[in-house]
Protein backbone atom coordinates (compact mmCIF):
# COMPACT_ATOMS: atom_id res chain seq x y z
CA LEU A 1 88.11 94.80 123.89
CA ALA A 2 86.84 97.58 126.13
CA ARG A 3 90.20 97.84 127.90
CA ARG A 4 92.03 98.14 124.58
CA ILE A 5 89.67 100.91 123.47
CA LEU A 6 90.24 102.79 126.71
CA SER A 7 94.00 102.40 126.33
CA PHE A 8 93.73 104.58 123.20
CA SER A 9 91.12 107.04 124.46
CA GLY A 10 91.85 107.45 128.15
CA PRO A 11 88.91 108.32 130.46
CA ILE A 12 85.60 108.83 128.64
CA THR A 13 82.09 110.07 129.35
CA SER A 14 80.59 108.98 126.00
CA ALA A 15 81.23 106.37 123.32
CA LEU A 16 79.82 105.40 119.94
CA GLU A 17 80.37 102.01 118.32
CA LEU A 18 79.81 101.78 114.58
CA GLY A 19 78.62 98.30 113.63
CA CYS A 20 77.88 97.43 117.26
CA GLY A 21 76.31 93.99 116.67
CA SER A 22 75.42 92.48 120.05
CA ALA A 23 76.72 95.60 121.89
CA SER A 24 78.72 93.51 124.35
CA THR A 25 81.79 95.75 124.07
CA LEU A 26 79.63 98.81 124.67
CA ALA A 27 78.16 97.13 127.74
CA HIS A 28 81.66 96.55 129.12
CA LEU A 29 82.61 100.17 128.45
CA GLU A 30 79.46 101.38 130.18
CA ARG A 31 80.10 99.18 133.24
CA MET A 32 83.78 100.16 133.42
CA THR A 33 83.34 103.92 132.98
CA GLY A 34 79.70 104.89 133.52
CA ALA A 35 79.89 106.59 130.10
CA MET A 36 76.84 107.23 127.97
CA CYS A 37 77.16 104.53 125.31
CA TYR A 38 75.60 104.48 121.86
CA GLY A 39 75.66 101.86 119.17
CA VAL A 40 74.62 101.71 115.54
CA ASP A 41 74.11 98.60 113.44
CA ARG A 42 72.11 97.90 110.30
CA CYS A 43 70.80 94.54 111.51
CA ARG A 44 67.42 95.14 113.15
CA GLU A 45 67.29 91.69 114.77
CA ILE A 46 70.60 91.98 116.60
CA VAL A 47 69.81 95.53 117.76
CA THR A 48 66.45 94.32 119.15
CA ILE A 49 68.19 91.54 121.10
CA ALA A 50 70.92 93.90 122.32
CA ARG A 51 68.35 96.46 123.54
CA ARG A 52 66.73 93.79 125.73
CA GLU A 53 70.11 92.63 127.03
CA TYR A 54 71.56 96.11 127.68
CA PRO A 55 68.80 98.63 128.47
CA ASN A 56 71.31 101.29 129.65
CA ILE A 57 72.80 101.59 126.16
CA THR A 58 71.21 103.63 123.36
CA LEU A 59 71.10 101.48 120.23
CA HIS A 60 69.88 102.39 116.76
CA THR A 61 69.24 100.44 113.58
CA ARG A 62 70.72 102.77 110.99
CA ASP A 63 72.95 103.03 107.98
CA ILE A 64 76.37 103.97 109.41
CA PHE A 65 76.94 106.23 106.40
CA ASP A 66 73.92 108.36 107.35
CA LEU A 67 74.09 109.22 111.03
CA PRO A 68 72.20 112.03 112.79
CA TYR A 69 74.92 112.94 115.31
CA GLN A 70 76.58 116.34 115.42
CA LYS A 71 80.32 116.79 115.01
CA LYS A 72 82.44 115.88 118.04
CA SER A 73 79.47 114.27 119.83
CA PHE A 74 81.44 111.45 121.52
CA ASP A 75 84.70 111.14 123.44
CA VAL A 76 85.56 107.98 121.52
CA VAL A 77 84.18 106.52 118.30
CA TYR A 78 85.26 102.98 117.53
CA SER A 79 84.57 99.90 115.46
CA VAL A 80 85.55 96.28 115.90
CA GLY A 81 85.89 94.15 112.78
CA LEU A 82 84.12 96.59 110.48
CA LEU A 83 86.60 98.30 108.15
CA GLU A 84 87.68 95.13 106.35
CA HIS A 85 84.16 94.58 105.03
CA PHE A 86 84.21 97.61 102.76
CA PRO A 87 86.05 98.66 99.60
CA HIS A 88 88.61 101.45 99.88
CA PRO A 89 86.31 104.44 99.09
CA GLU A 90 83.88 103.37 101.81
CA GLN A 91 86.79 102.70 104.20
CA LEU A 92 87.83 106.33 103.72
CA ALA A 93 84.25 107.45 104.37
CA LEU A 94 84.15 105.33 107.56
CA LEU A 95 87.38 106.88 108.80
CA ARG A 96 85.99 110.36 108.17
CA ILE A 97 82.84 109.45 110.13
CA HIS A 98 84.93 108.20 113.06
CA ILE A 99 87.06 111.36 113.05
CA THR A 100 84.15 113.77 112.55
CA LEU A 101 82.19 112.39 115.51
CA ALA A 102 85.07 111.85 117.98
CA ARG A 103 86.32 114.45 120.46
CA LYS A 104 89.20 112.50 122.03
CA ALA A 105 90.03 109.41 120.00
CA ILE A 106 89.09 106.97 117.30
CA VAL A 107 89.86 103.27 117.68
CA LEU A 108 89.50 100.48 115.14
CA MET A 109 90.21 96.78 115.23
CA ALA A 110 90.74 94.80 112.03
CA PRO A 111 92.23 91.43 111.08
CA ALA A 112 96.03 91.57 111.31
CA ASP A 113 98.40 90.47 108.63
CA SER A 114 99.84 87.51 110.54
CA LEU A 115 100.70 83.91 109.74
CA LEU A 116 97.73 82.58 111.71
CA MET A 117 95.25 84.97 110.07
CA ARG A 118 96.67 84.21 106.61
CA THR A 119 96.10 80.50 107.35
CA ILE A 120 92.51 81.19 108.39
CA HIS A 121 91.94 83.19 105.21
CA PHE A 122 93.45 80.46 103.07
CA TYR A 123 91.16 77.88 104.69
CA ASN A 124 88.08 80.08 104.31
CA LYS A 125 88.83 80.84 100.68
CA THR A 126 89.91 77.39 99.48
CA MET A 127 87.96 74.99 101.70
CA ARG A 128 84.86 77.03 102.42
CA ALA A 129 84.76 79.09 99.18
CA ARG A 130 84.23 82.33 101.09
CA THR A 131 85.15 85.41 99.05
CA GLY A 132 84.21 89.07 98.82
CA ASN A 133 84.09 91.95 101.28
CA TRP A 134 82.00 90.05 103.84
CA ALA A 135 84.55 87.23 103.93
CA ASP A 136 87.16 89.34 105.77
CA GLU A 137 89.62 89.03 102.90
CA GLU A 138 91.67 92.11 103.76
CA LEU A 139 94.40 91.89 106.37
CA PHE A 140 95.88 95.01 107.95
CA SER A 141 99.36 96.08 109.01
CA GLN A 142 101.01 99.38 109.92
CA ARG A 143 102.56 99.47 106.44
CA LEU A 144 99.19 98.91 104.73
CA LEU A 145 97.56 101.61 106.86
CA THR A 146 100.28 104.05 105.81
CA GLN A 147 99.85 103.12 102.13
CA LYS A 148 96.05 103.13 102.07
CA PHE A 149 95.49 106.10 104.36
CA PRO A 150 98.56 108.34 104.01
CA SER A 151 96.89 111.40 105.54
CA TYR A 152 96.09 109.56 108.79
CA ALA A 153 98.87 109.01 111.32
CA PHE A 154 97.64 105.87 113.04
CA HIS A 155 99.24 104.25 116.03
CA ALA A 156 98.86 100.50 115.45
CA PHE A 157 99.78 97.24 117.15
CA LYS A 158 99.05 93.53 116.82
CA ASP A 159 97.37 92.20 119.92
CA PRO A 160 99.15 89.25 121.58
CA LEU A 161 96.10 88.69 123.81
CA PHE A 162 94.24 87.70 120.64
CA ALA A 163 97.10 85.59 119.22
CA ASN A 164 98.03 88.52 116.96
CA LEU A 165 94.89 87.87 114.93
CA CYS A 166 93.83 91.48 115.18
CA LEU A 167 95.42 94.84 114.62
CA TRP A 168 94.31 97.73 116.80
CA PHE A 169 94.82 101.19 115.41
CA GLY A 170 93.72 104.61 116.42
CA ARG A 171 94.49 108.27 116.63
CA ARG A 172 93.41 111.42 118.30
CA PRO A 173 91.47 113.76 115.97
């Protein structure tokens, strides 16, 4: 994941991950680049574990819609598997947060509209009865990005390294 993020951003000295979870991607970015890495997640337990695991990374338990950072504070702002968990108005707000805080690039990864991911969704919905925003029901494609977010010119691609299960997209602010 870290290599894909860097392929969008180029060299970095700072990074912010929104919805960082275990912070493992941030740890890889920090090791690869020496960048100052920051992460934000709302789950106190996972942030506590990640702090112990990765003491060189600054991690905060916060609401990602209420961040204390100044505009253009980070070379890259990214999220992995976050956007699909929110309804459209909050997706727009998340994109604005990414763009407001990033100096060089924003990068997002979301579930791709692919045959394999559609099969997984079908299984989760019918066999496991998983529904709603936290069930990853939305699948993304370049066409959907253009329809949902017409004012953002995203560069997007399905990732063959991940069996085309995910769509990477990003842009330079």
